[in-house]
């Protein structure tokens, strides 16, 4: 490693000062294109607000220890979310601007993933402002209306709403029906909003992703709008259509680790077994990223590509994602016992995390 890059790869004894790996694995630094953790670091419990700087620093430390060297913080703009003010326009905008301002002081390369809820056209002005000033690096089009996408199973959603919000069955059902009616009343606005956000992303060269695709028809619509990624497809048919149209498919590492979706949707392991999975994202648990080594047809190398080269190519990051001369020296040292264990993380050739397994000293 030299000047932050991988200078050379050789077999045999190292020609100069070296770190001895002791049989551990050397992997490309993980690229996480969708991590929902930032909101919980800033407000770990409802109405318990931490200083923004503290929350962002804690998130950075958590990602380093999980081997993540490039992270896209996924932040929503949804004022009617169950998460309340955390996803208000003003709070989300302030959080992303704070993250961008702190980037030089953090260990991980932090980027911004704006989750654009299509049912709230008011978010267009806010997200458009952030795209125009270079704050946003990736936009995903989300629709959490009951009856489709992640929540296409209305009975499952009713039980979950009843449990999480402490409602009666009748109250939960009424809340779901109100959300469906609200979307139907604004169908024309939603179509115009989709077209506008698509034009904004294209004009500023910002990658566009669809979210929770449940039908081939929805995938085709997102593709027509310019989406290049299909994140968290909820059915096999949607994932297959995304692959057919050339969209990179993204699923959550916790889903892959557990072997099932907590919402009862497509299993990441099943999608992987059918060759329908391109990228693993942290979603809400970054330590789960490297979990498919034993199942991948190409073994550890194939599994590493799910959080490395595949993600880099889909996001236009041509300088990272693989161990090769000329690429950034973003590296992870890990063992593969049990669910795996990150021992050290390097970004640009500099150690940003170590659990003490390697005698790093002042090594660069």
Protein backbone atom coordinates (compact mmCIF):
# COMPACT_ATOMS: atom_id res chain seq x y z
CA UNK A 1 0.00 0.00 0.00
CA UNK A 2 1.35 3.41 -0.96
CA UNK A 3 -0.24 6.87 -0.97
CA UNK A 4 -3.61 5.41 -0.05
CA UNK A 5 -3.66 2.96 -2.96
CA UNK A 6 -2.77 -0.67 -3.56
CA UNK A 7 0.59 -0.34 -5.27
CA UNK A 8 1.48 -3.97 -5.94
CA UNK A 9 0.45 -7.57 -5.29
CA UNK A 10 3.22 -10.16 -4.93
CA UNK A 11 3.61 -13.72 -3.75
CA UNK A 12 6.29 -14.70 -1.29
CA UNK A 13 8.05 -12.75 1.47
CA UNK A 14 7.23 -9.05 1.64
CA UNK A 15 10.09 -6.85 0.40
CA UNK A 16 9.68 -4.33 3.25
CA UNK A 17 7.83 -3.73 6.51
CA UNK A 18 4.76 -5.96 6.65
CA UNK A 19 1.82 -7.04 8.76
CA UNK A 20 1.49 -10.78 9.21
CA UNK A 21 -2.09 -11.97 8.88
CA UNK A 22 -1.74 -15.28 10.68
CA UNK A 23 -4.16 -17.09 8.40
CA UNK A 24 -6.90 -14.47 8.57
CA UNK A 25 -8.79 -13.24 5.49
CA UNK A 26 -8.00 -10.09 3.53
CA UNK A 27 -11.10 -8.60 1.85
CA UNK A 28 -12.01 -5.38 0.04
CA UNK A 29 -13.56 -2.77 2.34
CA UNK A 30 -17.34 -3.16 2.45
CA UNK A 31 -19.52 -0.68 0.56
CA UNK A 32 -22.91 -0.25 2.22
CA UNK A 33 -25.39 1.50 -0.07
CA UNK A 34 -28.31 1.46 2.41
CA UNK A 35 -27.88 1.82 6.16
CA UNK A 36 -30.80 2.92 8.34
CA UNK A 37 -28.75 3.27 11.54
CA UNK A 38 -28.21 7.04 11.56
CA UNK A 39 -31.65 7.92 12.97
CA UNK A 40 -31.26 5.58 15.91
CA UNK A 41 -27.80 6.93 16.75
CA UNK A 42 -29.15 10.48 16.89
CA UNK A 43 -32.28 9.47 18.85
CA UNK A 44 -31.68 6.08 20.52
CA UNK A 45 -35.06 6.18 22.29
CA UNK A 46 -38.22 8.14 21.46
CA UNK A 47 -37.75 11.82 22.36
CA UNK A 48 -34.23 11.18 23.72
CA UNK A 49 -32.18 13.40 21.42
CA UNK A 50 -28.39 13.07 21.38
CA UNK A 51 -26.11 15.84 20.07
CA UNK A 52 -25.83 15.38 16.30
CA UNK A 53 -22.02 15.27 16.44
CA UNK A 54 -22.06 12.51 19.07
CA UNK A 55 -24.57 10.40 17.16
CA UNK A 56 -22.68 10.66 13.88
CA UNK A 57 -19.38 9.83 15.58
CA UNK A 58 -20.92 6.73 17.18
CA UNK A 59 -22.30 5.63 13.81
CA UNK A 60 -18.84 6.03 12.28
CA UNK A 61 -17.29 3.82 14.98
CA UNK A 62 -19.94 1.16 14.53
CA UNK A 63 -19.35 1.01 10.77
CA UNK A 64 -15.57 0.81 11.15
CA UNK A 65 -15.90 -2.19 13.46
CA UNK A 66 -18.14 -3.91 10.87
CA UNK A 67 -15.58 -3.48 8.05
CA UNK A 68 -17.56 -0.78 6.22
CA UNK A 69 -15.28 1.74 4.51
CA UNK A 70 -17.88 3.45 2.30
CA UNK A 71 -21.37 4.04 3.74
CA UNK A 72 -24.51 5.59 2.32
CA UNK A 73 -26.64 6.87 5.20
CA UNK A 74 -30.27 6.22 4.24
CA UNK A 75 -32.46 9.05 5.54
CA UNK A 76 -36.20 9.42 4.93
CA UNK A 77 -38.27 12.51 4.19
CA UNK A 78 -41.65 11.41 5.50
CA UNK A 79 -43.37 13.76 7.99
CA UNK A 80 -46.21 11.31 8.66
CA UNK A 81 -43.93 8.38 9.47
CA UNK A 82 -44.27 6.49 12.74
CA UNK A 83 -40.79 7.85 13.48
CA UNK A 84 -42.30 11.36 13.70
CA UNK A 85 -39.96 14.35 13.70
CA UNK A 86 -36.94 12.12 12.92
CA UNK A 87 -38.15 12.03 9.31
CA UNK A 88 -39.49 15.57 9.09
CA UNK A 89 -38.13 17.63 6.22
CA UNK A 90 -36.18 20.02 8.46
CA UNK A 91 -34.68 17.36 10.72
CA UNK A 92 -33.64 15.05 7.88
CA UNK A 93 -32.08 17.94 5.97
CA UNK A 94 -30.14 19.11 9.05
CA UNK A 95 -28.90 15.59 9.76
CA UNK A 96 -27.57 15.08 6.23
CA UNK A 97 -25.89 18.48 6.14
CA UNK A 98 -24.24 17.74 9.49
CA UNK A 99 -22.98 14.41 8.15
CA UNK A 100 -21.47 16.05 5.07
CA UNK A 101 -19.81 18.74 7.19
CA UNK A 102 -18.25 16.13 9.52
CA UNK A 103 -16.89 13.90 6.74
CA UNK A 104 -13.24 15.07 7.04
CA UNK A 105 -13.20 14.17 10.74
CA UNK A 106 -14.69 10.68 10.33
CA UNK A 107 -12.96 7.41 9.48
CA UNK A 108 -15.48 6.02 6.97
CA UNK A 109 -16.26 7.62 3.60
CA UNK A 110 -19.80 8.76 4.40
CA UNK A 111 -22.25 9.45 1.59
CA UNK A 112 -25.95 10.30 1.50
CA UNK A 113 -28.85 8.14 0.39
CA UNK A 114 -32.09 10.15 0.31
CA UNK A 115 -35.17 7.96 0.65
CA UNK A 116 -37.84 9.85 -1.27
CA UNK A 117 -41.38 8.92 -0.22
CA UNK A 118 -43.40 9.42 -3.41
CA UNK A 119 -46.65 10.10 -1.52
CA UNK A 120 -45.33 13.39 -0.11
CA UNK A 121 -44.72 15.81 -3.00
CA UNK A 122 -43.67 18.45 -0.45
CA UNK A 123 -40.37 16.59 -0.11
CA UNK A 124 -39.49 17.39 -3.72
CA UNK A 125 -38.31 20.92 -2.95
CA UNK A 126 -36.20 19.74 0.01
CA UNK A 127 -34.57 16.80 -1.78
CA UNK A 128 -34.13 18.89 -4.93
CA UNK A 129 -32.22 21.48 -2.91
CA UNK A 130 -29.96 18.81 -1.43
CA UNK A 131 -29.33 17.25 -4.84
CA UNK A 132 -28.49 20.62 -6.38
CA UNK A 133 -25.95 21.54 -3.68
CA UNK A 134 -24.20 18.16 -3.87
CA UNK A 135 -25.37 16.80 -0.51
CA UNK A 136 -27.16 13.74 -1.96
CA UNK A 137 -25.30 10.88 -3.68
CA UNK A 138 -28.15 8.39 -4.17
CA UNK A 139 -31.96 8.65 -4.26
CA UNK A 140 -34.40 5.79 -3.76
CA UNK A 141 -38.10 6.02 -4.62
CA UNK A 142 -40.11 4.56 -1.77
CA UNK A 143 -43.83 3.94 -1.36
CA UNK A 144 -45.01 2.57 1.96
CA UNK A 145 -48.72 2.68 1.13
CA UNK A 146 -50.51 -0.43 2.47
CA UNK A 147 -51.56 -3.01 -0.10
CA UNK A 148 -48.40 -3.01 -2.22
CA UNK A 149 -44.61 -3.16 -1.94
CA UNK A 150 -43.33 -4.16 1.48
CA UNK A 151 -46.84 -3.99 2.92
CA UNK A 152 -48.79 -5.89 0.26
CA UNK A 153 -49.99 -8.38 2.92
CA UNK A 154 -52.65 -6.23 4.60
CA UNK A 155 -53.46 -8.71 7.35
CA UNK A 156 -49.79 -8.98 8.33
CA UNK A 157 -49.59 -5.17 8.38
CA UNK A 158 -52.73 -4.85 10.49
CA UNK A 159 -51.34 -7.19 13.15
CA UNK A 160 -47.99 -5.39 13.13
CA UNK A 161 -49.62 -1.94 13.37
CA UNK A 162 -51.84 -3.14 16.18
CA UNK A 163 -48.86 -4.47 18.13
CA UNK A 164 -46.38 -1.63 17.53
CA UNK A 165 -48.82 1.23 18.11
CA UNK A 166 -50.95 -0.33 20.82
CA UNK A 167 -54.14 -0.08 18.78
CA UNK A 168 -57.25 -2.22 18.65
CA UNK A 169 -57.86 -4.28 15.52
CA UNK A 170 -60.50 -1.78 14.40
CA UNK A 171 -58.22 1.23 14.97
CA UNK A 172 -55.35 -0.41 13.08
CA UNK A 173 -57.64 -1.27 10.17
CA UNK A 174 -58.97 2.31 10.04
CA UNK A 175 -55.42 3.75 10.00
CA UNK A 176 -54.51 1.49 7.07
CA UNK A 177 -57.62 2.43 5.11
CA UNK A 178 -56.93 6.15 5.63
CA UNK A 179 -53.41 5.78 4.20
CA UNK A 180 -54.73 3.97 1.12
CA UNK A 181 -57.42 6.62 0.56
CA UNK A 182 -54.88 9.43 0.89
CA UNK A 183 -52.71 7.96 -1.86
CA UNK A 184 -55.68 7.48 -4.19
CA UNK A 185 -56.58 11.15 -3.77
CA UNK A 186 -53.15 12.26 -4.98
CA UNK A 187 -52.37 9.88 -7.85
CA UNK A 188 -51.84 12.76 -10.32
CA UNK A 189 -49.49 14.56 -7.96
CA UNK A 190 -47.46 11.38 -7.44
CA UNK A 191 -46.95 10.86 -11.19
CA UNK A 192 -45.73 14.44 -11.60
CA UNK A 193 -43.45 14.10 -8.59
CA UNK A 194 -41.88 10.90 -9.94
CA UNK A 195 -41.15 12.56 -13.26
CA UNK A 196 -39.62 15.60 -11.52
CA UNK A 197 -37.30 13.63 -9.22
CA UNK A 198 -36.22 11.49 -12.18
CA UNK A 199 -35.24 14.63 -14.13
CA UNK A 200 -33.37 16.06 -11.13
CA UNK A 201 -31.30 12.92 -10.63
CA UNK A 202 -30.46 12.68 -14.33
CA UNK A 203 -29.43 16.35 -14.49
CA UNK A 204 -27.06 16.04 -11.52
CA UNK A 205 -25.78 12.51 -12.28
CA UNK A 206 -27.22 11.08 -9.04
CA UNK A 207 -27.96 7.34 -9.04
CA UNK A 208 -31.64 6.42 -8.73
CA UNK A 209 -33.00 3.28 -7.07
CA UNK A 210 -36.45 1.77 -6.74
CA UNK A 211 -37.53 0.36 -3.39
CA UNK A 212 -39.68 -2.63 -2.40
CA UNK A 213 -40.59 -3.64 -5.94
CA UNK A 214 -43.39 -6.22 -5.80
CA UNK A 215 -44.43 -6.70 -9.44
CA UNK A 216 -42.70 -6.80 -12.83
CA UNK A 217 -44.88 -3.84 -13.85
CA UNK A 218 -43.54 -1.68 -11.03
CA UNK A 219 -39.97 -2.64 -11.95
CA UNK A 220 -40.63 -1.62 -15.55
CA UNK A 221 -41.99 1.75 -14.40
CA UNK A 222 -38.96 2.40 -12.20
CA UNK A 223 -36.64 1.39 -15.03
CA UNK A 224 -38.41 3.84 -17.35
CA UNK A 225 -37.84 6.59 -14.78
CA UNK A 226 -34.09 5.91 -14.86
CA UNK A 227 -33.59 3.60 -11.87
CA UNK A 228 -30.45 1.48 -12.06
CA UNK A 229 -30.93 -0.40 -8.77
CA UNK A 230 -33.85 -2.39 -7.34
CA UNK A 231 -33.39 -2.44 -3.59
CA UNK A 232 -35.23 -4.96 -1.45
CA UNK A 233 -37.50 -6.52 -4.12
CA UNK A 234 -40.25 -8.29 -2.18
CA UNK A 235 -41.12 -11.01 -4.71
CA UNK A 236 -39.11 -13.38 -6.87
CA UNK A 237 -40.95 -12.14 -9.97
CA UNK A 238 -39.89 -8.53 -9.32
CA UNK A 239 -36.27 -9.53 -8.68
CA UNK A 240 -36.18 -11.59 -11.89
CA UNK A 241 -37.60 -8.70 -13.93
CA UNK A 242 -35.07 -6.30 -12.42
CA UNK A 243 -32.24 -8.58 -13.49
CA UNK A 244 -33.76 -8.95 -16.97
CA UNK A 245 -33.87 -5.16 -17.40
CA UNK A 246 -30.31 -4.71 -16.10
CA UNK A 247 -31.07 -3.26 -12.66
CA UNK A 248 -28.74 -4.37 -9.88
CA UNK A 249 -30.72 -6.11 -7.14
CA UNK A 250 -30.05 -5.17 -3.52
CA UNK A 251 -31.20 -7.01 -0.39
CA UNK A 252 -30.57 -6.67 3.32
CA UNK A 253 -27.79 -8.52 5.11
CA UNK A 254 -29.99 -9.21 8.18
CA UNK A 255 -32.46 -10.95 5.85
CA UNK A 256 -29.62 -13.06 4.45
CA UNK A 257 -28.25 -13.85 7.92
CA UNK A 258 -31.63 -14.94 9.28
CA UNK A 259 -32.71 -16.60 6.04
CA UNK A 260 -36.00 -14.72 5.96
CA UNK A 261 -37.56 -11.29 5.74
CA UNK A 262 -39.11 -9.93 8.93
CA UNK A 263 -42.03 -8.70 6.78
CA UNK A 264 -42.66 -12.13 5.27
CA UNK A 265 -41.29 -11.12 1.86
CA UNK A 266 -38.61 -12.61 -0.41
CA UNK A 267 -35.72 -14.31 1.38
CA UNK A 268 -32.29 -12.94 0.44
CA UNK A 269 -30.89 -16.46 0.70
CA UNK A 270 -33.52 -17.77 -1.72
CA UNK A 271 -32.83 -14.91 -4.15
CA UNK A 272 -29.10 -15.60 -3.90
CA UNK A 273 -29.58 -19.32 -4.55
CA UNK A 274 -31.45 -18.46 -7.77
CA UNK A 275 -28.79 -16.00 -8.93
CA UNK A 276 -31.05 -12.98 -8.39
CA UNK A 277 -28.94 -11.11 -5.82
CA UNK A 278 -26.19 -8.62 -6.72
CA UNK A 279 -25.59 -6.52 -3.60
CA UNK A 280 -25.95 -6.94 0.16
CA UNK A 281 -26.70 -3.79 2.19
CA UNK A 282 -26.46 -3.36 5.95
CA UNK A 283 -30.09 -2.20 6.15
CA UNK A 284 -30.19 -1.86 9.96
CA UNK A 285 -27.33 -4.19 11.03
CA UNK A 286 -23.89 -3.68 9.40
CA UNK A 287 -22.20 -6.59 11.19
CA UNK A 288 -24.37 -9.00 9.15
CA UNK A 289 -22.87 -8.05 5.77
CA UNK A 290 -20.51 -10.97 5.04
CA UNK A 291 -22.79 -13.97 5.54
CA UNK A 292 -23.13 -15.85 2.23
CA UNK A 293 -19.60 -17.23 1.74
CA UNK A 294 -20.64 -20.86 2.20
CA UNK A 295 -23.68 -20.52 -0.07
CA UNK A 296 -22.09 -18.57 -2.92
CA UNK A 297 -21.24 -20.66 -5.99
CA UNK A 298 -17.92 -18.81 -6.17
CA UNK A 299 -17.23 -19.12 -2.46
CA UNK A 300 -15.71 -16.34 -0.43
CA UNK A 301 -14.75 -14.30 -3.49
CA UNK A 302 -18.33 -14.33 -4.76
CA UNK A 303 -19.69 -13.38 -1.35
CA UNK A 304 -17.19 -10.54 -1.02
CA UNK A 305 -18.36 -9.08 -4.34
CA UNK A 306 -21.86 -8.66 -2.87
CA UNK A 307 -20.53 -5.92 -0.59
CA UNK A 308 -17.58 -4.89 -2.73
CA UNK A 309 -17.13 -4.79 -6.48
CA UNK A 310 -20.80 -5.23 -7.37
CA UNK A 311 -21.82 -2.30 -5.18
CA UNK A 312 -18.94 -0.15 -6.47
CA UNK A 313 -19.89 -0.75 -10.09
CA UNK A 314 -23.59 -0.09 -9.51
CA UNK A 315 -22.83 3.20 -7.73
CA UNK A 316 -20.16 4.43 -10.12
CA UNK A 317 -17.30 4.10 -7.60
CA UNK A 318 -14.56 3.06 -10.01
CA UNK A 319 -11.71 3.49 -7.53
CA UNK A 320 -12.66 0.80 -4.97
CA UNK A 321 -14.42 -2.50 -4.35
CA UNK A 322 -11.65 -4.98 -5.15
CA UNK A 323 -8.09 -5.84 -4.20
CA UNK A 324 -6.14 -4.79 -7.29
CA UNK A 325 -3.23 -2.47 -8.08
CA UNK A 326 -4.33 1.14 -8.48
CA UNK A 327 -7.47 0.73 -6.37
CA UNK A 328 -7.99 2.43 -3.01
CA UNK A 329 -6.40 0.53 -0.13
CA UNK A 330 -9.76 0.02 1.57
CA UNK A 331 -9.35 -3.38 3.21
CA UNK A 332 -10.83 -5.62 5.87
CA UNK A 333 -9.01 -8.28 7.87
CA UNK A 334 -11.45 -10.87 9.21
CA UNK A 335 -11.90 -14.47 10.21
CA UNK A 336 -14.76 -16.64 8.99
CA UNK A 337 -15.49 -18.63 12.12
CA UNK A 338 -19.16 -18.71 13.02
CA UNK A 339 -20.86 -15.61 11.62
CA UNK A 340 -17.48 -13.97 10.94
CA UNK A 341 -15.49 -11.39 12.86
CA UNK A 342 -13.84 -8.22 11.57
CA UNK A 343 -10.37 -7.90 13.09
CA UNK A 344 -9.13 -4.72 11.43
CA UNK A 345 -10.32 -2.16 8.89
CA UNK A 346 -8.16 0.03 6.65
CA UNK A 347 -9.33 3.02 4.64
CA UNK A 348 -6.85 4.46 2.17
CA UNK A 349 -4.12 2.31 3.71
CA UNK A 350 -4.66 3.70 7.21
CA UNK A 351 -5.98 1.52 10.03
CA UNK A 352 -9.32 2.95 11.23
CA UNK A 353 -10.26 -0.03 13.42
CA UNK A 354 -8.47 -2.90 15.15
CA UNK A 355 -9.54 -5.35 17.83
CA UNK A 356 -5.90 -6.06 18.66
CA UNK A 357 -5.54 -9.29 16.69
CA UNK A 358 -2.92 -7.72 14.38
CA UNK A 359 0.21 -6.00 15.76
CA UNK A 360 -0.53 -2.74 13.91
CA UNK A 361 1.57 -0.35 15.97
CA UNK A 362 2.04 2.74 13.82
CA UNK A 363 1.66 0.83 10.56
CA UNK A 364 0.31 2.67 7.54
